Amino acid sequence: MKKRIGDNYFISDDKTLLDVNTIDGFLSNSYWNKGIPIELVQKSIKNSFCFGVYCNENQIGFARVVTDFAINAYLADVFILEEHRGKGLSKQLMDFIFGHPQLQNIKAWRLVTADAHGLYAKYGFKAPEFPERVMERKIKIW
């Protein structure tokens, strides 16, 4: 699926268009995946439903959804490169993801963010209803 946004931008779920070097370049410097090896970025792409944002065929944004396509979905690794921010592209990306036919009727969406609460609140995200039921397990692997 592909959606054109204005004259120069488009969003697509076609994995063959993804530029792993651009994705790795951003993620390996992000606060949530600092130092991630490219092999793990490649594996995460392979095992997720991915979305790219492009300007004149060059990738400038990304998001991935880890999902069973029926009940649960985890939104991860969302970014727009700095020089393309402020143009509403992250909102267009979220609209594309949440409107995607394969992601309809998901019962529970989850994500983790340190700085984009305002964006995600517009799409119905909020603090967990029962935070005492939420658990996580983290290990240091890189």
Foldseek 3Di string as FASTA:
>chain_A
DKDADPDFKIKDQDPVLDDLVVLCVVQCVDPVRPNPDSVVSVVVSVQWRKMFMGGNSHTFWIWTWRDPLAEEIEIDSTDGHPVPPPPCVSVVVVCCVQVPPSNPPHHDYYYDDDPPPVSVVVVPDDPDPCVVPDDDDDDDDD
